[in-house]
Amino acid sequence: MPNTLAHIGAQGWMGRAVFKKADLPWILLGLIVPDLPWILQRLVRSLFPGIDPYDLRAYVIVQASFFGCLLLCGAVSIIAQNTKKVFFVVSVNALFHLLLDAIQTKWADGVHLFAPFSWKPFSFGGFWPEDWPAHAMTAAGAAFMAFSCRCLPKTSPGFRWKPVQRPLAALLFLGAYFAAPVLLQDGPHHADNHFIRTLADKADRVGKKVEFDRNKLQSTSEGMFLKTFFGEEIRLTGNLPDAPGILSLKGRFIDAQTLEVQQFHVHTPFRDWFSYAGEKRRCENAMLIFV
C-alpha cells in the first residue's frame, strides 16, 4: 500500500475538491479506517506474543475489507450530527484508500472489495513504493499537511448522543466490526489470502509457490534467511540480492524450511519514514472529531 503521506496527498486534496463542505476530520477518518486493523494487529502481537499469527492475520483481513470498513464507518457516522453525509464521506474515502492500495504493486496481498461474498484479492500492480507515482503522491501529502496547518479551520464536527438509540446502534455496529471477523475468518484461510494456509501447513508446503511482502532479509554465517511477519525464519536459495534489507519476493518451497527464490524486489526504508510522519499528522487531525 502507499505510505501514509501518499494517501494524504491523494485523498486529502481529492476530499477537499469533491466534498467541499465536509469537515476535514471526517475526510481523514475515512482515510485511516482501512489501516486501523493493521495498526491494531501490531499492538496485539506485542501485547499477546503467544497468539496464533495466522488466525490473527485472517481476522485482520476481514476487518480491513471494504465490508469491515463499512461496519466501522457505520459505528461512527450513526452518532454524527449529519449521519448520512458523514457515512458517505467516510465510506467513500475508505473505498478510495483501498483502490489506491490496489494500484500499487504488493506481492502476496490485495484488497477485498466484495467480501464476504468473495475473498479474491484485487491487486493491479501499477507501481512500487519506490517509483515516481508514490513519490509524487508523497510530496502532495506533505504539501497538504502544510496547507491544512495554515489554511484549513480546526473544526470539531461533534456527535449526537440523544436519543439513546443512537449510541446503542453505534455499539451494535462496533460490536459487529470486532465479532464478524471471528465468524468470517475461514474465508481468508480457504482462499489462502497472504498465503496463510500454505505457510501454516508446514508439513504440506513442499513444492508450493508463495509470495512475501516487505519482510526482513537476514544474512548469517549459515546463509540467507527471511524473517517473516509470522515469526518464522525461512532459509533462502536461488535468485538472491547481495545484501540484507527489506524484501518482497516470490518463490517455491523445495523443503519445509527452504524457499527457492524466483523473483525479488528490494525496498528502501523511506516508505516507513513517510508513513510515521503521515500517521502522526493524520491522527492529530482525526482526533479533532472527539474534542
Protein backbone atom coordinates (compact mmCIF):
# COMPACT_ATOMS: atom_id res chain seq x y z
CA MET A 1 0.00 0.00 0.00
CA PRO A 2 1.18 3.59 -0.50
CA ASN A 3 2.74 5.23 2.56
CA THR A 4 0.50 7.35 4.77
CA LEU A 5 1.75 10.66 3.35
CA ALA A 6 0.93 9.41 -0.16
CA HIS A 7 -2.62 8.59 0.92
CA ILE A 8 -2.96 12.04 2.44
CA GLY A 9 -1.63 13.56 -0.77
CA ALA A 10 -4.14 11.74 -2.96
CA GLN A 11 -7.15 11.71 -0.67
CA GLY A 12 -6.67 14.99 1.17
CA TRP A 13 -6.74 17.09 -1.99
CA MET A 14 -9.44 14.92 -3.55
CA GLY A 15 -11.55 15.16 -0.42
CA ARG A 16 -11.36 18.95 -0.33
CA ALA A 17 -12.28 19.13 -4.02
CA VAL A 18 -15.15 16.62 -4.00
CA PHE A 19 -16.55 17.13 -0.51
CA LYS A 20 -16.30 20.89 -0.38
CA LYS A 21 -18.46 21.27 2.72
CA ALA A 22 -17.17 18.20 4.55
CA ASP A 23 -15.15 18.72 7.71
CA LEU A 24 -11.51 17.74 7.33
CA PRO A 25 -11.54 15.31 10.30
CA TRP A 26 -14.22 13.18 8.59
CA ILE A 27 -12.12 13.01 5.41
CA LEU A 28 -9.05 11.95 7.37
CA LEU A 29 -11.05 9.46 9.42
CA GLY A 30 -12.15 7.73 6.21
CA LEU A 31 -8.54 7.74 5.12
CA ILE A 32 -7.40 5.91 8.26
CA VAL A 33 -10.25 3.34 8.55
CA PRO A 34 -8.66 0.64 6.30
CA ASP A 35 -5.33 0.94 8.14
CA LEU A 36 -6.72 0.59 11.67
CA PRO A 37 -6.79 -3.25 11.62
CA TRP A 38 -3.12 -3.39 10.59
CA ILE A 39 -2.19 -0.93 13.35
CA LEU A 40 -4.15 -2.95 15.91
CA GLN A 41 -2.52 -6.13 14.62
CA ARG A 42 0.93 -4.86 15.59
CA LEU A 43 -0.40 -3.84 19.00
CA VAL A 44 -2.00 -7.24 19.62
CA ARG A 45 1.18 -9.06 18.58
CA SER A 46 3.24 -7.01 21.04
CA LEU A 47 0.77 -7.45 23.92
CA PHE A 48 -0.04 -11.12 23.25
CA PRO A 49 3.04 -12.71 21.64
CA GLY A 50 1.57 -16.19 22.02
CA ILE A 51 -1.43 -15.52 19.78
CA ASP A 52 -1.67 -17.59 16.59
CA PRO A 53 -0.32 -15.20 13.91
CA TYR A 54 -2.15 -16.94 11.06
CA ASP A 55 -5.55 -16.70 12.73
CA LEU A 56 -4.80 -13.08 13.63
CA ARG A 57 -3.91 -12.27 10.02
CA ALA A 58 -7.17 -13.86 8.77
CA TYR A 59 -9.10 -11.83 11.37
CA VAL A 60 -7.42 -8.60 10.25
CA ILE A 61 -8.03 -9.34 6.57
CA VAL A 62 -11.77 -9.44 7.29
CA GLN A 63 -11.65 -6.18 9.24
CA ALA A 64 -9.63 -4.44 6.53
CA SER A 65 -12.02 -5.48 3.74
CA PHE A 66 -14.47 -2.93 2.41
CA PHE A 67 -17.20 -4.80 4.28
CA GLY A 68 -15.31 -4.39 7.56
CA CYS A 69 -14.64 -0.73 6.78
CA LEU A 70 -18.36 -0.12 6.27
CA LEU A 71 -19.14 -1.54 9.71
CA LEU A 72 -16.72 0.89 11.36
CA CYS A 73 -17.95 3.78 9.21
CA GLY A 74 -21.49 2.98 10.35
CA ALA A 75 -20.47 2.92 14.02
CA VAL A 76 -19.00 6.42 13.77
CA SER A 77 -21.49 8.07 11.44
CA ILE A 78 -24.63 6.96 13.26
CA ILE A 79 -23.78 9.26 16.17
CA ALA A 80 -22.56 12.13 13.98
CA GLN A 81 -24.55 15.32 13.57
CA ASN A 82 -25.35 14.51 9.94
CA THR A 83 -25.38 10.72 9.75
CA LYS A 84 -25.99 10.25 6.02
CA LYS A 85 -23.46 12.84 4.92
CA VAL A 86 -20.77 11.61 7.31
CA PHE A 87 -21.31 7.95 6.34
CA PHE A 88 -20.98 8.87 2.67
CA VAL A 89 -17.80 10.94 3.18
CA VAL A 90 -16.08 8.42 5.46
CA SER A 91 -17.03 5.31 3.47
CA VAL A 92 -16.10 6.82 0.08
CA ASN A 93 -12.70 7.83 1.44
CA ALA A 94 -12.22 4.32 2.86
CA LEU A 95 -13.06 2.86 -0.56
CA PHE A 96 -10.68 5.26 -2.29
CA HIS A 97 -7.96 4.21 0.16
CA LEU A 98 -8.48 0.56 -0.81
CA LEU A 99 -8.41 1.38 -4.52
CA LEU A 100 -5.13 3.27 -4.07
CA ASP A 101 -3.73 0.22 -2.30
CA ALA A 102 -4.83 -1.98 -5.19
CA ILE A 103 -2.98 0.00 -7.86
CA GLN A 104 0.38 -0.30 -6.11
CA THR A 105 2.45 -3.43 -6.62
CA LYS A 106 2.18 -5.53 -3.49
CA TRP A 107 3.03 -9.20 -3.74
CA ALA A 108 1.12 -11.68 -1.56
CA ASP A 109 -1.52 -9.06 -0.90
CA GLY A 110 -4.52 -7.23 -2.28
CA VAL A 111 -7.75 -5.56 -1.23
CA HIS A 112 -11.07 -7.30 -0.70
CA LEU A 113 -13.82 -5.25 -2.27
CA PHE A 114 -16.59 -7.88 -2.40
CA ALA A 115 -16.15 -9.72 0.90
CA PRO A 116 -17.78 -11.68 2.42
CA PHE A 117 -19.17 -12.93 -0.91
CA SER A 118 -15.73 -13.28 -2.48
CA TRP A 119 -12.30 -13.44 -0.86
CA LYS A 120 -10.44 -12.90 -4.10
CA PRO A 121 -7.96 -10.04 -3.51
CA PHE A 122 -7.58 -7.30 -6.08
CA SER A 123 -4.10 -6.02 -6.89
CA PHE A 124 -3.43 -4.32 -10.23
CA GLY A 125 0.28 -3.72 -9.65
CA GLY A 126 0.84 -0.33 -11.22
CA PHE A 127 3.97 0.82 -9.36
CA TRP A 128 6.29 0.03 -6.47
CA PRO A 129 6.59 2.25 -3.36
CA GLU A 130 9.96 3.41 -4.71
CA ASP A 131 8.58 4.53 -8.11
CA TRP A 132 7.80 8.12 -9.12
CA PRO A 133 3.97 7.96 -8.67
CA ALA A 134 4.45 7.14 -5.00
CA HIS A 135 6.97 9.97 -4.61
CA ALA A 136 4.60 12.41 -6.33
CA MET A 137 1.73 11.48 -4.01
CA THR A 138 4.06 11.71 -1.01
CA ALA A 139 5.10 15.24 -1.98
CA ALA A 140 1.42 16.13 -2.42
CA GLY A 141 0.78 14.76 1.07
CA ALA A 142 3.49 16.94 2.60
CA ALA A 143 2.01 19.95 0.79
CA PHE A 144 -1.48 19.14 2.03
CA MET A 145 -0.24 18.85 5.62
CA ALA A 146 1.40 22.27 5.36
CA PHE A 147 -1.75 23.71 3.77
CA SER A 148 -4.08 22.20 6.37
CA CYS A 149 -1.93 23.53 9.22
CA ARG A 150 -2.10 27.08 7.90
CA CYS A 151 -5.31 27.44 5.92
CA LEU A 152 -7.95 24.94 6.96
CA PRO A 153 -10.07 25.69 10.03
CA LYS A 154 -9.77 23.44 13.07
CA THR A 155 -13.34 22.20 13.19
CA SER A 156 -14.98 19.83 15.63
CA PRO A 157 -17.95 18.07 13.96
CA GLY A 158 -19.22 16.61 17.22
CA PHE A 159 -21.63 13.78 17.98
CA ARG A 160 -25.31 13.30 18.80
CA TRP A 161 -25.73 11.21 21.93
CA LYS A 162 -29.52 11.51 22.13
CA PRO A 163 -31.81 9.69 21.76
CA VAL A 164 -30.24 6.68 23.44
CA GLN A 165 -30.91 4.55 20.35
CA ARG A 166 -28.06 6.28 18.55
CA PRO A 167 -25.19 5.26 20.86
CA LEU A 168 -26.75 1.82 21.23
CA ALA A 169 -26.78 1.41 17.45
CA ALA A 170 -23.18 2.63 17.30
CA LEU A 171 -22.19 -0.04 19.82
CA LEU A 172 -24.01 -2.63 17.74
CA PHE A 173 -22.04 -1.67 14.63
CA LEU A 174 -18.80 -1.58 16.62
CA GLY A 175 -19.54 -5.00 18.09
CA ALA A 176 -20.14 -6.35 14.58
CA TYR A 177 -16.83 -4.83 13.48
CA PHE A 178 -14.98 -6.91 16.07
CA ALA A 179 -17.23 -10.01 16.02
CA ALA A 180 -17.74 -10.51 12.27
CA PRO A 181 -14.08 -11.47 11.62
CA VAL A 182 -14.41 -14.34 14.10
CA LEU A 183 -17.32 -15.72 12.06
CA LEU A 184 -15.80 -15.00 8.64
CA GLN A 185 -12.08 -15.71 9.07
CA ASP A 186 -12.43 -19.15 7.45
CA GLY A 187 -12.91 -17.28 4.16
CA PRO A 188 -9.37 -15.84 4.01
CA HIS A 189 -7.98 -19.19 5.23
CA HIS A 190 -9.66 -21.20 2.47
CA ALA A 191 -8.75 -18.60 -0.16
CA ASP A 192 -5.13 -18.72 1.07
CA ASN A 193 -5.03 -14.94 1.33
CA HIS A 194 -1.49 -13.74 2.09
CA PHE A 195 -0.58 -17.44 1.69
CA ILE A 196 -1.56 -18.04 5.32
CA ARG A 197 -2.82 -21.58 4.68
CA THR A 198 0.33 -22.51 2.77
CA LEU A 199 2.61 -21.09 5.45
CA ALA A 200 0.67 -22.54 8.39
CA ASP A 201 0.73 -26.09 6.99
CA LYS A 202 4.47 -26.67 7.18
CA ALA A 203 4.19 -30.41 6.58
CA ASP A 204 2.44 -29.97 3.22
CA ARG A 205 4.07 -26.91 1.66
CA VAL A 206 6.91 -28.56 -0.25
CA GLY A 207 6.60 -27.69 -3.92
CA LYS A 208 4.07 -24.92 -3.33
CA LYS A 209 4.55 -21.36 -4.52
CA VAL A 210 4.44 -18.47 -2.08
CA GLU A 211 4.88 -14.71 -2.02
CA PHE A 212 6.00 -12.30 0.69
CA ASP A 213 5.55 -8.55 1.01
CA ARG A 214 8.15 -6.39 2.77
CA ASN A 215 9.84 -8.93 5.04
CA LYS A 216 13.34 -8.73 6.53
CA LEU A 217 16.17 -10.49 4.75
CA GLN A 218 18.90 -11.53 7.18
CA SER A 219 22.42 -12.66 6.31
CA THR A 220 24.15 -15.12 8.66
CA SER A 221 27.14 -17.42 8.51
CA GLU A 222 24.69 -20.20 7.60
CA GLY A 223 23.21 -18.33 4.65
CA MET A 224 20.32 -16.00 3.83
CA PHE A 225 17.10 -16.18 5.87
CA LEU A 226 13.76 -14.43 5.54
CA LYS A 227 12.25 -13.28 8.84
CA THR A 228 8.51 -13.42 8.21
CA PHE A 229 5.80 -11.44 9.98
CA PHE A 230 4.56 -14.72 11.40
CA GLY A 231 7.80 -15.19 13.36
CA GLU A 232 9.33 -17.88 11.16
CA GLU A 233 12.83 -17.87 9.70
CA ILE A 234 12.95 -19.45 6.23
CA ARG A 235 16.21 -20.35 4.53
CA LEU A 236 16.54 -18.85 1.06
CA THR A 237 18.28 -20.15 -2.02
CA GLY A 238 18.23 -19.32 -5.72
CA ASN A 239 17.96 -15.76 -7.02
CA LEU A 240 19.05 -13.57 -4.07
CA PRO A 241 20.20 -9.96 -3.51
CA ASP A 242 23.75 -9.27 -2.41
CA ALA A 243 22.92 -7.70 0.97
CA PRO A 244 20.24 -7.92 3.67
CA GLY A 245 17.34 -5.49 3.75
CA ILE A 246 13.57 -5.26 3.30
CA LEU A 247 12.45 -7.62 0.58
CA SER A 248 9.37 -8.65 -1.38
CA LEU A 249 9.78 -11.97 -3.12
CA LYS A 250 8.19 -14.85 -4.99
CA GLY A 251 9.42 -18.41 -4.67
CA ARG A 252 8.75 -22.11 -4.21
CA PHE A 253 9.35 -24.35 -1.21
CA ILE A 254 11.91 -27.03 -2.02
CA ASP A 255 11.60 -28.41 1.50
CA ALA A 256 9.65 -27.46 4.62
CA GLN A 257 12.20 -24.85 5.70
CA THR A 258 13.83 -23.76 2.43
CA LEU A 259 12.47 -21.45 -0.23
CA GLU A 260 13.87 -21.20 -3.74
CA VAL A 261 13.57 -17.51 -4.66
CA GLN A 262 12.43 -16.84 -8.24
CA GLN A 263 11.84 -13.07 -8.12
CA PHE A 264 12.63 -10.36 -5.60
CA HIS A 265 12.31 -6.63 -5.10
CA VAL A 266 14.42 -4.65 -2.61
CA HIS A 267 12.60 -1.87 -0.78
CA THR A 268 14.01 1.36 0.62
CA PRO A 269 13.23 2.45 4.21
CA PHE A 270 11.68 5.74 3.06
CA ARG A 271 8.15 4.35 2.92
CA ASP A 272 8.14 3.67 6.68
CA TRP A 273 9.54 7.12 7.49
CA PHE A 274 6.86 8.83 5.40
CA SER A 275 4.20 6.63 6.98
CA TYR A 276 5.27 7.57 10.52
CA ALA A 277 5.17 11.28 9.65
CA GLY A 278 1.79 10.94 7.98
CA GLU A 279 0.29 8.81 10.75
CA LYS A 280 1.18 11.44 13.34
CA ARG A 281 -0.47 14.25 11.42
CA ARG A 282 -3.46 12.17 10.32
CA CYS A 283 -4.22 11.07 13.88
CA GLU A 284 -3.92 14.65 15.17
CA ASN A 285 -6.49 15.85 12.63
CA ALA A 286 -8.82 12.90 13.09
CA MET A 287 -8.80 13.46 16.86
CA LEU A 288 -10.48 16.82 16.26
CA ILE A 289 -13.67 14.78 15.96
CA PHE A 290 -13.57 13.93 19.65
CA VAL A 291 -12.63 17.30 21.13
